[in-house]
PDB file of N, CA and C in Angstrom:
ATOM      1  N   MET A   1    -130.596-102.336  12.087  1.00  0.00           N
ATOM      2  CA  MET A   1    -129.326-101.953  12.663  1.00  0.00           C
ATOM      3  C   MET A   1    -129.465-100.537  13.232  1.00  0.00           C
ATOM      4  N   GLN A   2    -128.989-100.329  14.440  1.00  0.00           N
ATOM      5  CA  GLN A   2    -129.008 -99.008  15.065  1.00  0.00           C
ATOM      6  C   GLN A   2    -127.583 -98.587  15.378  1.00  0.00           C
ATOM      7  N   PHE A   3    -127.372 -97.255  15.322  1.00  0.00           N
ATOM      8  CA  PHE A   3    -126.040 -96.717  15.551  1.00  0.00           C
ATOM      9  C   PHE A   3    -126.062 -95.710  16.684  1.00  0.00           C
ATOM     10  N   GLU A   4    -124.880 -95.521  17.291  1.00  0.00           N
ATOM     11  CA  GLU A   4    -124.671 -94.409  18.213  1.00  0.00           C
ATOM     12  C   GLU A   4    -123.557 -93.567  17.619  1.00  0.00           C
ATOM     13  N   TYR A   5    -123.518 -92.289  18.011  1.00  0.00           N
ATOM     14  CA  TYR A   5    -122.627 -91.337  17.348  1.00  0.00           C
ATOM     15  C   TYR A   5    -121.786 -90.543  18.347  1.00  0.00           C
ATOM     16  N   LEU A   6    -120.605 -90.162  17.888  1.00  0.00           N
ATOM     17  CA  LEU A   6    -119.751 -89.203  18.585  1.00  0.00           C
ATOM     18  C   LEU A   6    -119.522 -88.033  17.642  1.00  0.00           C
ATOM     19  N   VAL A   7    -119.646 -86.827  18.161  1.00  0.00           N
ATOM     20  CA  VAL A   7    -119.300 -85.621  17.413  1.00  0.00           C
ATOM     21  C   VAL A   7    -118.130 -84.989  18.155  1.00  0.00           C
ATOM     22  N   CYS A   8    -116.997 -84.944  17.495  1.00  0.00           N
ATOM     23  CA  CYS A   8    -115.768 -84.473  18.120  1.00  0.00           C
ATOM     24  C   CYS A   8    -115.343 -83.150  17.496  1.00  0.00           C
ATOM     25  N   GLN A   9    -115.035 -82.179  18.345  1.00  0.00           N
ATOM     26  CA  GLN A   9    -114.491 -80.913  17.863  1.00  0.00           C
ATOM     27  C   GLN A   9    -112.990 -80.954  18.037  1.00  0.00           C
ATOM     28  N   THR A  10    -112.277 -80.546  16.999  1.00  0.00           N
ATOM     29  CA  THR A  10    -110.821 -80.505  17.096  1.00  0.00           C
ATOM     30  C   THR A  10    -110.328 -79.080  16.880  1.00  0.00           C
ATOM     31  N   GLN A  11    -109.287 -78.743  17.598  1.00  0.00           N
ATOM     32  CA  GLN A  11    -108.613 -77.460  17.450  1.00  0.00           C
ATOM     33  C   GLN A  11    -107.121 -77.704  17.626  1.00  0.00           C
ATOM     34  N   TYR A  12    -106.318 -77.147  16.742  1.00  0.00           N
ATOM     35  CA  TYR A  12    -104.861 -77.288  16.821  1.00  0.00           C
ATOM     36  C   TYR A  12    -104.441 -78.752  16.936  1.00  0.00           C
ATOM     37  N   SER A  13    -105.083 -79.626  16.152  1.00  0.00           N
ATOM     38  CA  SER A  13    -104.786 -81.065  16.098  1.00  0.00           C
ATOM     39  C   SER A  13    -105.061 -81.787  17.416  1.00  0.00           C
ATOM     40  N   ARG A  14    -105.929 -81.218  18.241  1.00  0.00           N
ATOM     41  CA  ARG A  14    -106.334 -81.839  19.506  1.00  0.00           C
ATOM     42  C   ARG A  14    -107.838 -82.044  19.515  1.00  0.00           C
ATOM     43  N   VAL A  15    -108.307 -83.136  20.087  1.00  0.00           N
ATOM     44  CA  VAL A  15    -109.744 -83.358  20.274  1.00  0.00           C
ATOM     45  C   VAL A  15    -110.123 -82.634  21.558  1.00  0.00           C
ATOM     46  N   THR A  16    -110.863 -81.541  21.422  1.00  0.00           N
ATOM     47  CA  THR A  16    -111.172 -80.692  22.573  1.00  0.00           C
ATOM     48  C   THR A  16    -112.536 -80.981  23.197  1.00  0.00           C
ATOM     49  N   PHE A  17    -113.517 -81.301  22.383  1.00  0.00           N
ATOM     50  CA  PHE A  17    -114.852 -81.614  22.895  1.00  0.00           C
ATOM     51  C   PHE A  17    -115.377 -82.870  22.211  1.00  0.00           C
ATOM     52  N   VAL A  18    -116.062 -83.714  22.967  1.00  0.00           N
ATOM     53  CA  VAL A  18    -116.739 -84.892  22.425  1.00  0.00           C
ATOM     54  C   VAL A  18    -118.180 -84.830  22.905  1.00  0.00           C
ATOM     55  N   ASN A  19    -119.088 -84.780  21.956  1.00  0.00           N
ATOM     56  CA  ASN A  19    -120.521 -84.632  22.263  1.00  0.00           C
ATOM     57  C   ASN A  19    -120.767 -83.474  23.234  1.00  0.00           C
ATOM     58  N   GLY A  20    -120.044 -82.381  23.002  1.00  0.00           N
ATOM     59  CA  GLY A  20    -120.247 -81.158  23.771  1.00  0.00           C
ATOM     60  C   GLY A  20    -119.556 -81.090  25.115  1.00  0.00           C
ATOM     61  N   GLU A  21    -118.810 -82.128  25.498  1.00  0.00           N
ATOM     62  CA  GLU A  21    -118.115 -82.145  26.793  1.00  0.00           C
ATOM     63  C   GLU A  21    -116.610 -82.003  26.588  1.00  0.00           C
ATOM     64  N   TRP A  22    -115.993 -81.166  27.434  1.00  0.00           N
ATOM     65  CA  TRP A  22    -114.552 -80.933  27.386  1.00  0.00           C
ATOM     66  C   TRP A  22    -113.828 -82.262  27.510  1.00  0.00           C
ATOM     67  N   HIS A  23    -112.785 -82.478  26.695  1.00  0.00           N
ATOM     68  CA  HIS A  23    -112.109 -83.773  26.671  1.00  0.00           C
ATOM     69  C   HIS A  23    -110.665 -83.703  27.180  1.00  0.00           C
ATOM     70  N   GLY A  24    -110.295 -82.599  27.792  1.00  0.00           N
ATOM     71  CA  GLY A  24    -108.948 -82.481  28.348  1.00  0.00           C
ATOM     72  C   GLY A  24    -108.899 -82.936  29.790  1.00  0.00           C
ATOM     73  N   SER A  25    -107.702 -83.287  30.245  1.00  0.00           N
ATOM     74  CA  SER A  25    -107.533 -83.692  31.642  1.00  0.00           C
ATOM     75  C   SER A  25    -107.334 -82.480  32.552  1.00  0.00           C
ATOM     76  N   VAL A  26    -107.033 -81.312  31.972  1.00  0.00           N
ATOM     77  CA  VAL A  26    -106.945 -80.058  32.711  1.00  0.00           C
ATOM     78  C   VAL A  26    -108.198 -79.258  32.388  1.00  0.00           C
ATOM     79  N   ALA A  27    -108.857 -78.743  33.399  1.00  0.00           N
ATOM     80  CA  ALA A  27    -110.122 -78.015  33.205  1.00  0.00           C
ATOM     81  C   ALA A  27    -109.926 -76.823  32.280  1.00  0.00           C
ATOM     82  N   LEU A  28    -110.916 -76.603  31.440  1.00  0.00           N
ATOM     83  CA  LEU A  28    -110.873 -75.492  30.501  1.00  0.00           C
ATOM     84  C   LEU A  28    -110.783 -74.151  31.219  1.00  0.00           C
ATOM     85  N   ASN A  29    -111.381 -74.050  32.390  1.00  0.00           N
ATOM     86  CA  ASN A  29    -111.362 -72.800  33.164  1.00  0.00           C
ATOM     87  C   ASN A  29    -110.223 -72.761  34.179  1.00  0.00           C
ATOM     88  N   SER A  30    -109.161 -73.509  33.924  1.00  0.00           N
ATOM     89  CA  SER A  30    -108.033 -73.590  34.859  1.00  0.00           C
ATOM     90  C   SER A  30    -107.226 -72.300  34.930  1.00  0.00           C
ATOM     91  N   GLY A  31    -107.407 -71.420  33.952  1.00  0.00           N
ATOM     92  CA  GLY A  31    -106.630 -70.190  33.926  1.00  0.00           C
ATOM     93  C   GLY A  31    -105.429 -70.276  32.994  1.00  0.00           C
ATOM     94  N   ASP A  32    -105.106 -71.467  32.530  1.00  0.00           N
ATOM     95  CA  ASP A  32    -103.990 -71.646  31.586  1.00  0.00           C
ATOM     96  C   ASP A  32    -104.536 -72.341  30.350  1.00  0.00           C
ATOM     97  N   TRP A  33    -104.961 -71.548  29.368  1.00  0.00           N
ATOM     98  CA  TRP A  33    -105.596 -72.080  28.174  1.00  0.00           C
ATOM     99  C   TRP A  33    -104.692 -73.060  27.437  1.00  0.00           C
ATOM    100  N   GLN A  34    -103.408 -72.740  27.319  1.00  0.00           N
ATOM    101  CA  GLN A  34    -102.480 -73.606  26.582  1.00  0.00           C
ATOM    102  C   GLN A  34    -102.302 -74.941  27.290  1.00  0.00           C
ATOM    103  N   LEU A  35    -102.190 -74.927  28.610  1.00  0.00           N
ATOM    104  CA  LEU A  35    -102.060 -76.168  29.366  1.00  0.00           C
ATOM    105  C   LEU A  35    -103.311 -77.023  29.214  1.00  0.00           C
ATOM    106  N   ALA A  36    -104.479 -76.387  29.254  1.00  0.00           N
ATOM    107  CA  ALA A  36    -105.743 -77.109  29.084  1.00  0.00           C
ATOM    108  C   ALA A  36    -105.805 -77.738  27.691  1.00  0.00           C
ATOM    109  N   LEU A  37    -105.444 -76.971  26.660  1.00  0.00           N
ATOM    110  CA  LEU A  37    -105.444 -77.496  25.299  1.00  0.00           C
ATOM    111  C   LEU A  37    -104.472 -78.657  25.160  1.00  0.00           C
ATOM    112  N   ASP A  38    -103.281 -78.508  25.701  1.00  0.00           N
ATOM    113  CA  ASP A  38    -102.270 -79.561  25.611  1.00  0.00           C
ATOM    114  C   ASP A  38    -102.675 -80.836  26.342  1.00  0.00           C
ATOM    115  N   SER A  39    -103.643 -80.744  27.245  1.00  0.00           N
ATOM    116  CA  SER A  39    -104.094 -81.933  27.976  1.00  0.00           C
ATOM    117  C   SER A  39    -105.113 -82.751  27.183  1.00  0.00           C
ATOM    118  N   CYS A  40    -105.520 -82.241  26.021  1.00  0.00           N
ATOM    119  CA  CYS A  40    -106.451 -82.968  25.151  1.00  0.00           C
ATOM    120  C   CYS A  40    -105.655 -83.925  24.263  1.00  0.00           C
ATOM    121  N   PRO A  41    -106.267 -85.044  23.889  1.00  0.00           N
ATOM    122  CA  PRO A  41    -105.531 -86.002  23.053  1.00  0.00           C
ATOM    123  C   PRO A  41    -105.320 -85.491  21.638  1.00  0.00           C
ATOM    124  N   ASP A  42    -104.186 -85.885  21.051  1.00  0.00           N
ATOM    125  CA  ASP A  42    -103.956 -85.619  19.635  1.00  0.00           C
ATOM    126  C   ASP A  42    -105.016 -86.363  18.832  1.00  0.00           C
ATOM    127  N   VAL A  43    -105.402 -85.800  17.695  1.00  0.00           N
ATOM    128  CA  VAL A  43    -106.464 -86.400  16.883  1.00  0.00           C
ATOM    129  C   VAL A  43    -106.137 -87.848  16.542  1.00  0.00           C
ATOM    130  N   TRP A  44    -104.936 -88.132  16.071  1.00  0.00           N
ATOM    131  CA  TRP A  44    -104.579 -89.485  15.641  1.00  0.00           C
ATOM    132  C   TRP A  44    -104.586 -90.465  16.815  1.00  0.00           C
ATOM    133  N   GLU A  45    -104.173 -90.001  17.995  1.00  0.00           N
ATOM    134  CA  GLU A  45    -104.223 -90.873  19.174  1.00  0.00           C
ATOM    135  C   GLU A  45    -105.666 -91.189  19.546  1.00  0.00           C
ATOM    136  N   TYR A  46    -106.522 -90.157  19.511  1.00  0.00           N
ATOM    137  CA  TYR A  46    -107.930 -90.343  19.846  1.00  0.00           C
ATOM    138  C   TYR A  46    -108.598 -91.307  18.864  1.00  0.00           C
ATOM    139  N   LEU A  47    -108.357 -91.119  17.561  1.00  0.00           N
ATOM    140  CA  LEU A  47    -108.967 -91.992  16.569  1.00  0.00           C
ATOM    141  C   LEU A  47    -108.494 -93.435  16.725  1.00  0.00           C
ATOM    142  N   ASN A  48    -107.232 -93.644  17.024  1.00  0.00           N
ATOM    143  CA  ASN A  48    -106.740 -95.008  17.277  1.00  0.00           C
ATOM    144  C   ASN A  48    -107.404 -95.613  18.505  1.00  0.00           C
ATOM    145  N   GLN A  49    -107.562 -94.803  19.547  1.00  0.00           N
ATOM    146  CA  GLN A  49    -108.176 -95.287  20.789  1.00  0.00           C
ATOM    147  C   GLN A  49    -109.631 -95.701  20.563  1.00  0.00           C
ATOM    148  N   VAL A  50    -110.434 -94.816  19.978  1.00  0.00           N
ATOM    149  CA  VAL A  50    -111.853 -95.139  19.805  1.00  0.00           C
ATOM    150  C   VAL A  50    -112.064 -96.130  18.660  1.00  0.00           C
ATOM    151  N   GLY A  51    -111.167 -96.147  17.701  1.00  0.00           N
ATOM    152  CA  GLY A  51    -111.257 -97.137  16.625  1.00  0.00           C
ATOM    153  C   GLY A  51    -111.163 -98.548  17.167  1.00  0.00           C
ATOM    154  N   SER A  52    -110.343 -98.744  18.182  1.00  0.00           N
ATOM    155  CA  SER A  52    -110.222-100.080  18.786  1.00  0.00           C
ATOM    156  C   SER A  52    -111.489-100.465  19.551  1.00  0.00           C
ATOM    157  N   LEU A  53    -112.371 -99.484  19.796  1.00  0.00           N
ATOM    158  CA  LEU A  53    -113.647 -99.749  20.474  1.00  0.00           C
ATOM    159  C   LEU A  53    -114.801 -99.864  19.479  1.00  0.00           C
ATOM    160  N   GLY A  54    -114.477 -99.880  18.182  1.00  0.00           N
ATOM    161  CA  GLY A  54    -115.494-100.081  17.166  1.00  0.00           C
ATOM    162  C   GLY A  54    -116.024 -98.828  16.494  1.00  0.00           C
ATOM    163  N   TRP A  55    -115.505 -97.652  16.866  1.00  0.00           N
ATOM    164  CA  TRP A  55    -115.966 -96.405  16.253  1.00  0.00           C
ATOM    165  C   TRP A  55    -115.317 -96.235  14.887  1.00  0.00           C
ATOM    166  N   GLN A  56    -116.118 -95.761  13.915  1.00  0.00           N
ATOM    167  CA  GLN A  56    -115.634 -95.499  12.560  1.00  0.00           C
ATOM    168  C   GLN A  56    -115.886 -94.034  12.220  1.00  0.00           C
ATOM    169  N   LEU A  57    -114.909 -93.415  11.579  1.00  0.00           N
ATOM    170  CA  LEU A  57    -115.080 -92.043  11.114  1.00  0.00           C
ATOM    171  C   LEU A  57    -116.027 -92.046   9.921  1.00  0.00           C
ATOM    172  N   VAL A  58    -117.124 -91.282  10.023  1.00  0.00           N
ATOM    173  CA  VAL A  58    -118.115 -91.211   8.953  1.00  0.00           C
ATOM    174  C   VAL A  58    -117.808 -90.042   8.036  1.00  0.00           C
ATOM    175  N   THR A  59    -117.560 -88.866   8.620  1.00  0.00           N
ATOM    176  CA  THR A  59    -117.242 -87.682   7.825  1.00  0.00           C
ATOM    177  C   THR A  59    -116.589 -86.638   8.715  1.00  0.00           C
ATOM    178  N   ALA A  60    -116.076 -85.599   8.089  1.00  0.00           N
ATOM    179  CA  ALA A  60    -115.473 -84.488   8.812  1.00  0.00           C
ATOM    180  C   ALA A  60    -115.940 -83.191   8.163  1.00  0.00           C
ATOM    181  N   ALA A  61    -116.013 -82.138   8.964  1.00  0.00           N
ATOM    182  CA  ALA A  61    -116.437 -80.824   8.462  1.00  0.00           C
ATOM    183  C   ALA A  61    -115.578 -79.757   9.122  1.00  0.00           C
ATOM    184  N   GLN A  62    -115.386 -78.667   8.424  1.00  0.00           N
ATOM    185  CA  GLN A  62    -114.636 -77.529   8.962  1.00  0.00           C
ATOM    186  C   GLN A  62    -115.602 -76.392   9.236  1.00  0.00           C
ATOM    187  N   SER A  63    -115.379 -75.696  10.335  1.00  0.00           N
ATOM    188  CA  SER A  63    -116.175 -74.503  10.600  1.00  0.00           C
ATOM    189  C   SER A  63    -115.242 -73.371  11.012  1.00  0.00           C
ATOM    190  N   THR A  64    -115.655 -72.166  10.697  1.00  0.00           N
ATOM    191  CA  THR A  64    -114.882 -70.988  11.069  1.00  0.00           C
ATOM    192  C   THR A  64    -115.802 -69.965  11.709  1.00  0.00           C
ATOM    193  N   ILE A  65    -115.237 -69.169  12.574  1.00  0.00           N
ATOM    194  CA  ILE A  65    -115.942 -68.038  13.156  1.00  0.00           C
ATOM    195  C   ILE A  65    -115.289 -66.794  12.590  1.00  0.00           C
ATOM    196  N   THR A  66    -116.084 -65.969  11.954  1.00  0.00           N
ATOM    197  CA  THR A  66    -115.574 -64.756  11.321  1.00  0.00           C
ATOM    198  C   THR A  66    -116.266 -63.542  11.931  1.00  0.00           C
ATOM    199  N   THR A  67    -115.466 -62.585  12.357  1.00  0.00           N
ATOM    200  CA  THR A  67    -115.988 -61.344  12.906  1.00  0.00           C
ATOM    201  C   THR A  67    -115.385 -60.186  12.133  1.00  0.00           C
ATOM    202  N   GLU A  68    -116.245 -59.343  11.591  1.00  0.00           N
ATOM    203  CA  GLU A  68    -115.811 -58.179  10.816  1.00  0.00           C
ATOM    204  C   GLU A  68    -114.797 -58.552   9.741  1.00  0.00           C
ATOM    205  N   GLY A  69    -115.048 -59.669   9.051  1.00  0.00           N
ATOM    206  CA  GLY A  69    -114.203 -60.089   7.955  1.00  0.00           C
ATOM    207  C   GLY A  69    -112.924 -60.793   8.351  1.00  0.00           C
ATOM    208  N   GLN A  70    -112.674 -60.955   9.638  1.00  0.00           N
ATOM    209  CA  GLN A  70    -111.469 -61.628  10.126  1.00  0.00           C
ATOM    210  C   GLN A  70    -111.828 -62.992  10.708  1.00  0.00           C
ATOM    211  N   THR A  71    -111.118 -64.026  10.282  1.00  0.00           N
ATOM    212  CA  THR A  71    -111.337 -65.356  10.847  1.00  0.00           C
ATOM    213  C   THR A  71    -110.644 -65.416  12.195  1.00  0.00           C
ATOM    214  N   SER A  72    -111.421 -65.715  13.234  1.00  0.00           N
ATOM    215  CA  SER A  72    -110.849 -65.742  14.573  1.00  0.00           C
ATOM    216  C   SER A  72    -110.673 -67.153  15.107  1.00  0.00           C
ATOM    217  N   GLN A  73    -111.360 -68.126  14.505  1.00  0.00           N
ATOM    218  CA  GLN A  73    -111.244 -69.490  15.008  1.00  0.00           C
ATOM    219  C   GLN A  73    -111.590 -70.459  13.889  1.00  0.00           C
ATOM    220  N   VAL A  74    -110.802 -71.508  13.766  1.00  0.00           N
ATOM    221  CA  VAL A  74    -111.080 -72.586  12.827  1.00  0.00           C
ATOM    222  C   VAL A  74    -111.116 -73.877  13.625  1.00  0.00           C
ATOM    223  N   SER A  75    -112.149 -74.652  13.416  1.00  0.00           N
ATOM    224  CA  SER A  75    -112.212 -75.955  14.067  1.00  0.00           C
ATOM    225  C   SER A  75    -112.754 -76.972  13.075  1.00  0.00           C
ATOM    226  N   HIS A  76    -112.510 -78.208  13.387  1.00  0.00           N
ATOM    227  CA  HIS A  76    -113.010 -79.307  12.567  1.00  0.00           C
ATOM    228  C   HIS A  76    -113.892 -80.179  13.450  1.00  0.00           C
ATOM    229  N   GLN A  77    -114.941 -80.694  12.860  1.00  0.00           N
ATOM    230  CA  GLN A  77    -115.795 -81.645  13.553  1.00  0.00           C
ATOM    231  C   GLN A  77    -115.610 -83.000  12.882  1.00  0.00           C
ATOM    232  N   LEU A  78    -115.442 -84.009  13.712  1.00  0.00           N
ATOM    233  CA  LEU A  78    -115.333 -85.380  13.235  1.00  0.00           C
ATOM    234  C   LEU A  78    -116.586 -86.106  13.689  1.00  0.00           C
ATOM    235  N   PHE A  79    -117.212 -86.822  12.793  1.00  0.00           N
ATOM    236  CA  PHE A  79    -118.433 -87.554  13.101  1.00  0.00           C
ATOM    237  C   PHE A  79    -118.115 -89.041  13.022  1.00  0.00           C
ATOM    238  N   LEU A  80    -118.288 -89.722  14.144  1.00  0.00           N
ATOM    239  CA  LEU A  80    -117.988 -91.146  14.225  1.00  0.00           C
ATOM    240  C   LEU A  80    -119.245 -91.910  14.611  1.00  0.00           C
ATOM    241  N   ARG A  81    -119.294 -93.172  14.195  1.00  0.00           N
ATOM    242  CA  ARG A  81    -120.429 -93.996  14.595  1.00  0.00           C
ATOM    243  C   ARG A  81    -119.961 -95.429  14.817  1.00  0.00           C
ATOM    244  N   ARG A  82    -120.793 -96.143  15.568  1.00  0.00           N
ATOM    245  CA  ARG A  82    -120.595 -97.581  15.711  1.00  0.00           C
ATOM    246  C   ARG A  82    -121.954 -98.211  15.909  1.00  0.00           C
ATOM    247  N   GLU A  83    -122.026 -99.479  15.628  1.00  0.00           N
ATOM    248  CA  GLU A  83    -123.286-100.182  15.792  1.00  0.00           C
ATOM    249  C   GLU A  83    -123.604-100.269  17.278  1.00  0.00           C
ATOM    250  N   ARG A  84    -124.845 -99.940  17.594  1.00  0.00           N
ATOM    251  CA  ARG A  84    -125.289 -99.990  18.983  1.00  0.00           C
ATOM    252  C   ARG A  84    -125.405-101.441  19.420  1.00  0.00           C
ATOM    253  N   MET A  85    -124.828-101.725  20.568  1.00  0.00           N
ATOM    254  CA  MET A  85    -124.911-103.070  21.124  1.00  0.00           C
ATOM    255  C   MET A  85    -126.267-103.263  21.783  1.00  0.00           C
ATOM    256  N   SER A  86    -126.907-104.371  21.527  1.00  0.00           N
ATOM    257  CA  SER A  86    -128.237-104.629  22.097  1.00  0.00           C
ATOM    258  C   SER A  86    -128.176-104.994  23.558  1.00  0.00           C
TER     259      SER A  86
END
C-alpha cells in the first residue's frame, strides 16, 4: 500500500498553505493581508472538502515563532494522507 500526503498550515482557523503553496483566492502579496487571509478556507470546511476525496487526518502539530522571548506567530500543521491510486 502506498500513500500520498498533504501538509496544511493553519493560522487563525484558516488553511493558509497546502504543501507549501498559498491556499487563498486572494494573493498573499495583494497588499491587504486580512483580505488574503479571509480568502482561505476555514479549517472545518477544508477538512470536510478533502475528506470527501479520501483524505484522512493523521496528526496535527503546533509551532511557534519566538523572538526575544515574545511569541510572534502560532500556527498548526495538519498532516493528511490517502491511499495512492494506481
